[in-house]
Protein backbone atom coordinates (compact mmCIF):
# COMPACT_ATOMS: atom_id res chain seq x y z
CA MET A 1 39.31 -11.03 241.29
CA LYS A 2 38.22 -14.13 239.16
CA ARG A 3 39.91 -14.06 235.63
CA ASN A 4 36.48 -13.62 233.67
CA ASP A 5 35.65 -10.59 235.86
CA GLU A 6 39.02 -9.08 235.38
CA ILE A 7 38.80 -9.70 231.65
CA LEU A 8 35.28 -7.83 231.45
CA GLN A 9 36.29 -5.04 233.67
CA LEU A 10 39.69 -4.45 232.13
CA SER A 11 38.09 -4.59 228.51
CA GLY A 12 35.39 -2.11 229.66
CA GLU A 13 38.10 0.14 230.95
CA ILE A 14 40.20 0.14 227.62
CA MET A 15 36.98 0.99 225.41
CA LEU A 16 36.35 4.03 227.51
CA ASP A 17 39.88 5.10 227.49
CA ILE A 18 39.59 5.21 223.63
CA THR A 19 36.42 6.68 223.29
CA GLU A 20 36.67 9.30 225.88
CA GLY A 21 40.42 9.78 225.37
CA ARG A 22 41.54 9.24 228.96
CA LEU A 23 44.75 8.03 228.50
CA PRO A 24 47.58 8.54 225.83
CA LEU A 25 47.28 5.79 223.02
CA TYR A 26 50.46 4.07 223.95
CA VAL A 27 49.25 3.41 227.61
CA ILE A 28 46.02 1.98 226.28
CA LEU A 29 47.74 -0.28 223.97
CA LEU A 30 49.83 -1.59 226.73
CA LYS A 31 46.49 -2.11 228.90
CA ALA A 32 45.22 -4.09 225.69
CA SER A 33 48.58 -6.14 225.73
CA ARG A 34 47.84 -7.09 229.49
CA LEU A 35 44.21 -8.18 228.41
CA SER A 36 45.85 -10.42 225.77
CA LEU A 37 47.99 -11.99 228.19
CA LEU A 38 44.93 -12.64 230.42
CA LEU A 39 43.22 -14.16 227.44
CA ASP A 40 46.60 -16.30 226.49
CA MET A 41 47.32 -14.80 223.30
CA PRO A 42 51.07 -14.42 223.15
CA LYS A 43 50.96 -13.08 219.59
CA ASN A 44 48.73 -10.18 220.36
CA VAL A 45 50.78 -9.41 223.59
CA ASP A 46 53.98 -8.79 221.29
CA VAL A 47 52.06 -6.94 218.50
CA LEU A 48 50.47 -4.51 221.06
CA LYS A 49 53.69 -4.08 222.68
CA GLU A 50 55.32 -3.06 219.44
CA TRP A 51 52.37 -0.57 218.63
CA SER A 52 52.59 0.89 221.96
CA LYS A 53 56.27 1.71 221.36
CA TYR A 54 55.46 3.13 217.91
CA ALA A 55 52.57 5.04 219.21
CA GLU A 56 54.93 6.76 221.81
CA GLN A 57 57.47 7.62 219.17
CA ASN A 58 54.74 8.92 216.56
CA GLN A 59 53.13 10.97 219.32
CA PHE A 60 56.50 12.66 219.93
CA VAL A 61 56.86 13.18 216.34
CA ILE A 62 53.49 14.61 216.21
CA ASP A 63 53.86 17.17 219.06
CA THR A 64 57.22 18.02 217.16
CA PHE A 65 55.27 18.74 213.92
CA ARG A 66 53.07 21.07 215.79
CA SER A 67 55.97 23.07 217.05
CA SER A 68 57.60 23.15 213.63
CA ILE A 69 54.52 24.18 211.86
CA GLU A 70 54.18 27.17 214.33
CA SER A 71 57.77 28.06 213.73
CA ALA A 72 57.23 27.94 209.86
CA LYS A 73 54.40 30.60 209.95
CA ASP A 74 55.04 33.53 207.81
CA PRO A 75 55.59 36.60 209.60
CA ASP A 76 53.12 39.40 209.28
CA VAL A 77 54.59 42.05 207.28
CA SER A 78 53.01 45.27 206.37
CA ILE A 79 54.42 46.64 203.13
CA THR A 80 53.05 49.90 201.49
CA SER A 81 54.32 52.03 198.54
CA ALA A 82 53.73 55.71 197.91
CA ASN A 83 52.91 54.91 194.26
CA PRO A 84 49.24 53.97 194.00
CA ASN A 85 50.06 52.27 190.85
CA GLU A 86 52.71 49.85 191.99
CA PHE A 87 52.11 46.30 192.94
CA VAL A 88 53.73 45.17 196.09
CA ASN A 89 54.69 41.57 196.74
CA GLY A 90 55.03 40.87 200.48
CA ARG A 91 56.68 37.44 199.66
CA PHE A 92 60.34 36.73 200.55
CA GLY A 93 62.91 34.67 198.84
CA GLY A 94 62.99 36.05 195.17
CA GLY A 95 59.35 35.18 194.50
CA THR A 96 58.83 31.73 196.48
CA ASN A 97 55.42 31.45 198.59
CA GLY A 98 57.31 32.12 202.05
CA ASN A 99 57.12 28.90 204.34
CA THR A 100 54.19 27.51 202.42
CA TRP A 101 56.51 24.50 200.96
CA GLU A 102 57.74 23.92 204.40
CA ARG A 103 54.38 23.73 206.03
CA SER A 104 53.17 21.59 203.26
CA ASN A 105 55.78 18.89 203.69
CA LEU A 106 55.09 18.86 207.42
CA ARG A 107 51.38 18.40 206.98
CA THR A 108 52.04 15.64 204.82
CA GLU A 109 54.34 13.65 207.09
CA ALA A 110 51.95 14.57 210.12
CA ASN A 111 48.96 12.79 208.03
CA LYS A 112 50.98 9.71 207.67
CA VAL A 113 51.95 9.49 211.09
CA VAL A 114 48.00 10.41 212.41
CA GLY A 115 47.12 7.54 209.88
CA TYR A 116 49.15 5.14 211.50
CA LEU A 117 47.98 6.16 215.27
CA ALA A 118 44.36 5.96 213.75
CA ARG A 119 44.96 2.43 212.71
CA TYR A 120 46.23 1.47 216.01
CA ARG A 121 43.36 2.95 218.00
CA SER A 122 40.52 1.51 215.56
CA GLU A 123 42.04 -1.93 215.26
CA THR A 124 42.56 -2.13 219.20
CA TYR A 125 39.10 -0.88 219.82
CA THR A 126 37.60 -3.58 217.61
CA PHE A 127 39.62 -6.31 219.16
CA VAL A 128 38.68 -5.06 222.66
CA SER A 129 34.91 -4.58 222.02
CA GLY A 130 34.91 -8.29 220.51
CA VAL A 131 36.52 -9.63 223.58
CA ASN A 132 33.96 -7.59 225.84
CA ASN A 133 30.95 -8.70 223.75
CA ASN A 134 32.07 -12.47 224.12
CA TRP A 135 33.00 -12.40 227.63
CA GLN A 136 29.61 -10.60 228.65
CA PHE A 137 27.86 -13.63 227.06
CA GLY A 138 30.40 -16.07 228.21
CA ASN A 139 30.31 -14.77 231.74
CA ILE A 140 26.44 -15.85 231.89
CA ALA A 141 27.54 -19.48 231.01
CA GLN A 142 30.48 -19.04 233.73
CA THR A 143 28.18 -18.15 236.41
CA ILE A 144 25.72 -21.03 235.49
CA PHE A 145 29.07 -23.20 235.41
CA GLU A 146 29.97 -21.85 238.92
CA LYS A 147 26.68 -22.29 240.63
CA LYS A 148 26.83 -25.78 239.34
CA ARG A 149 30.41 -26.18 240.99
CA LYS A 150 29.43 -24.42 244.30
CA ARG A 151 26.57 -26.88 244.64
CA ALA A 152 28.62 -30.07 244.03
CA GLU A 153 32.00 -29.11 245.53
CA PRO A 154 31.04 -28.87 249.15
CA VAL A 155 29.35 -32.43 248.95
CA LEU A 156 32.42 -33.96 246.73
CA GLU A 157 34.91 -32.42 249.49
CA ARG A 158 33.35 -34.62 252.21
CA ILE A 159 34.16 -37.53 249.93
CA PHE A 160 37.66 -36.38 248.60
CA PRO A 161 39.16 -33.62 250.58
CA ASP A 162 41.49 -32.59 247.85
CA THR A 163 38.44 -31.66 245.36
CA SER A 164 39.10 -28.05 245.17
CA GLN A 165 42.79 -28.49 244.33
CA ARG A 166 41.81 -31.02 241.73
CA LEU A 167 39.29 -28.98 240.10
CA ASN A 168 41.62 -25.69 240.17
CA SER A 169 44.18 -27.87 238.55
CA ILE A 170 41.81 -29.02 235.67
CA GLU A 171 41.05 -25.21 235.30
CA GLN A 172 44.67 -24.13 235.20
CA ASN A 173 45.28 -26.78 232.39
CA LEU A 174 42.61 -25.39 230.13
CA ARG A 175 43.92 -21.88 230.37
CA SER A 176 47.35 -22.95 229.21
CA SER A 177 48.56 -22.74 225.58
CA ASN A 178 50.08 -26.28 225.53
CA SER A 179 48.18 -29.08 224.27
CA GLU A 180 49.67 -31.38 226.73
CA ASP A 181 47.99 -29.59 229.59
CA TRP A 182 44.68 -29.88 227.75
CA LYS A 183 45.27 -33.61 227.67
CA ASN A 184 46.07 -33.51 231.37
CA ALA A 185 42.80 -31.87 231.99
CA VAL A 186 41.08 -34.61 230.16
CA SER A 187 42.93 -37.23 232.07
CA SER A 188 42.36 -35.45 235.51
CA CYS A 189 38.61 -35.59 234.56
CA ARG A 190 38.65 -39.16 233.86
CA ALA A 191 40.73 -39.81 237.24
CA LEU A 192 38.43 -38.10 239.26
CA LEU A 193 35.23 -39.89 237.74
CA MET A 194 36.93 -43.17 238.17
CA ASP A 195 37.47 -42.11 242.00
CA ILE A 196 33.78 -41.17 242.42
CA ALA A 197 32.61 -44.45 240.57
CA ASP A 198 34.91 -46.46 242.93
CA LEU A 199 33.34 -44.90 246.01
CA LEU A 200 29.67 -44.77 244.99
CA ASN A 201 29.67 -48.21 243.13
CA PRO A 202 32.75 -50.27 243.55
CA PRO A 203 33.92 -52.76 241.16
CA LYS A 204 32.74 -56.28 241.81
CA THR A 205 35.53 -57.85 239.43
CA ALA A 206 38.98 -56.63 237.59
CA GLU A 207 36.77 -56.15 234.33
CA ASP A 208 34.23 -53.75 236.08
CA LYS A 209 37.18 -51.55 237.25
CA GLY A 210 37.49 -49.61 233.63
CA LYS A 211 33.82 -49.66 233.19
CA TYR A 212 33.46 -46.46 235.60
CA ILE A 213 30.74 -44.83 233.46
CA ASN A 214 28.51 -47.83 233.50
CA ARG A 215 29.14 -48.35 237.31
CA LEU A 216 28.02 -44.51 237.63
CA LYS A 217 24.72 -45.23 235.64
CA ASP A 218 24.01 -48.16 237.61
CA TYR A 219 24.61 -46.07 240.81
CA VAL A 220 22.16 -43.38 239.58
CA SER A 221 19.30 -45.35 237.79
CA PRO A 222 17.67 -47.04 240.57
CA LYS A 223 17.65 -43.63 242.62
CA ILE A 224 15.69 -41.61 240.10
CA ALA A 225 12.00 -42.02 240.01
CA SER A 226 11.36 -39.97 236.93
CA THR A 227 11.70 -41.98 233.56
CA THR A 228 12.55 -38.65 231.69
CA LYS A 229 15.20 -37.57 234.18
CA LYS A 230 16.83 -41.32 233.90
CA LYS A 231 16.94 -40.81 230.20
CA LEU A 232 18.59 -37.28 230.55
CA ILE A 233 21.09 -38.40 232.94
CA LYS A 234 21.99 -41.34 230.60
CA THR A 235 22.37 -38.97 227.85
CA TYR A 236 24.71 -36.96 230.03
CA PHE A 237 26.87 -40.15 230.61
CA ASP A 238 27.00 -41.46 227.28
CA GLU A 239 28.08 -38.11 225.81
CA LEU A 240 30.64 -37.60 228.47
CA LYS A 241 32.06 -41.18 227.82
CA ALA A 242 32.21 -40.59 224.22
CA ARG A 243 33.92 -37.39 224.53
CA ILE A 244 36.69 -38.75 226.94
CA GLU A 245 37.25 -41.66 225.08
CA TYR A 246 37.81 -39.76 221.91
CA THR A 247 40.12 -37.22 223.48
CA MET A 248 41.95 -39.96 225.26
CA ASP A 249 42.44 -42.01 221.88
CA LEU A 250 44.11 -38.85 220.64
CA THR A 251 46.76 -39.08 222.92
CA GLN A 252 47.95 -42.67 222.46
CA GLY A 253 50.08 -41.55 219.52
CA GLY A 254 53.68 -40.00 219.35
CA ALA A 255 54.68 -37.39 221.93
CA HIS A 256 53.66 -34.51 219.33
CA GLN A 257 51.00 -36.22 217.52
CA GLY A 258 47.00 -36.43 218.12
CA ARG A 259 46.83 -33.86 221.09
CA PRO A 260 43.25 -32.79 221.81
CA LEU A 261 42.21 -29.43 220.63
CA LEU A 262 41.21 -26.71 223.38
CA SER A 263 37.61 -26.82 222.26
CA GLU A 264 37.70 -30.66 222.69
CA ALA A 265 39.07 -30.40 226.07
CA GLU A 266 36.86 -27.75 227.27
CA ASP A 267 33.71 -29.94 226.22
CA VAL A 268 35.02 -32.99 228.20
CA VAL A 269 35.49 -30.61 231.38
CA LEU A 270 32.20 -29.06 230.95
CA ASN A 271 30.39 -32.15 230.64
CA THR A 272 32.35 -33.67 233.64
CA TYR A 273 31.30 -30.81 235.62
CA LEU A 274 27.76 -31.25 234.64
CA VAL A 275 27.76 -35.23 235.57
CA ILE A 276 29.57 -34.58 238.68
CA ALA A 277 26.73 -31.95 239.89
CA GLU A 278 24.15 -34.53 238.94
CA LEU A 279 25.87 -37.29 240.74
CA MET A 280 26.35 -35.23 243.86
CA GLN A 281 22.63 -34.31 243.92
CA VAL A 282 21.56 -37.94 243.65
CA TYR A 283 24.04 -38.73 246.45
CA THR A 284 22.67 -36.08 248.63
CA ASP A 285 19.24 -36.65 248.13
CA ASN A 286 19.95 -40.34 248.66
CA ASN A 287 21.57 -39.74 251.92
CA LYS A 288 18.66 -37.64 253.08
CA THR A 289 16.21 -40.52 252.15
CA GLU A 290 18.36 -42.92 254.06
CA LEU A 291 18.85 -40.76 256.96
CA LEU A 292 15.04 -40.13 256.91
CA GLU A 293 14.27 -43.95 257.02
CA ARG A 294 16.74 -44.62 259.92
CA LEU A 295 15.07 -41.81 261.96
CA THR A 296 11.79 -43.24 261.17
CA GLU A 297 12.94 -46.84 262.39
CA LEU A 298 14.48 -45.26 265.46
CA GLN A 299 11.22 -43.62 266.45
CA ALA A 300 9.35 -46.73 265.87
CA LYS A 301 11.59 -48.63 268.44
CA GLU A 302 11.50 -45.68 270.96
CA PRO A 303 8.77 -45.84 273.70
CA SER A 304 5.92 -43.44 273.50
CA SER A 305 6.17 -40.22 275.19
CA ASP A 306 3.55 -41.41 277.56
CA GLU A 307 5.47 -44.35 278.52
CA ILE A 308 8.50 -42.16 279.02
CA THR A 309 6.48 -39.71 281.28
CA ARG A 310 4.73 -42.37 283.24
CA GLY A 311 7.43 -45.05 283.35
CA LYS A 312 6.71 -48.52 284.13
CA GLU A 313 4.81 -49.55 287.23
CA PRO A 314 6.77 -51.79 289.44
CA GLU A 315 5.32 -55.16 289.96
CA PRO A 316 3.72 -55.64 293.43
CA SER A 317 6.03 -57.58 295.70
CA LYS A 318 4.93 -60.96 297.13
CA PRO A 319 4.54 -61.21 300.64
CA PRO A 320 7.20 -63.37 302.45
CA ALA A 321 6.29 -66.89 303.18
CA ASP A 322 5.15 -67.97 306.50
CA LYS A 323 8.03 -69.53 308.43
CA LYS A 324 7.24 -72.85 309.85
CA LYS A 325 7.07 -73.00 313.65
């Protein structure tokens, strides 16, 4: 199961667990901790584990309170007097209210514990429902993204057999909580684009080597007939170039300075995938055009079907010359 699908499924389950009371609260909190682990939220993981521990302890306390309250009930005592004018007090303990004081203390303590559990339940539901809503909408974008990747990846793998491994590595780096990995994701995007540029439009000089975005634009431009489409692709390239240069500039400082934010790295990866999808579409269309042209040329050179069926008639042989007698 893919990560985004697992997050959606797990968050939906937890919401039902809470609203329908399907599981004890401490179990639900452990499931929410696992959800936080999938979301790479280590602080939430620790907090929810602690809450789960307290919830299990407090549930034991609540169960104990129920037994104690049952035990603290006043016994049913029937007291009568032969003197109709005599007031009969059924309370024990020299005028006390039986076990009322004990029951009152138990209820007070129980209310405190129930309040803790209610807060755990309420805050967990708010967190989980927020995750579910965000990933419902995010899943739409993810689906579009996956369609782009599925369309581009098979073509790219014919050029670079390790494409799938490289793309998976980029995604794994984005899931990390370490900014160094986010930087590596951006570097991997740049390396992949440089390799594609070297193949589609190799550099003619040493200076051209670093101008991989320009070389990609030069490759694409003459192959797109629509002026509007050309402008759109150019915008993709320029946007990607600006984002890559910005995030790579951030990494030129000290070892722990100027690392890109996760959102910045994600933007670079998203734009890289969009550009690659467009490049592979142009590459595929261009190859189809070239193949069609080659087939047309071959067909023009081939003999007609009539000629193939009839074949060439052999030239009549000349009669042998008369021999001189």
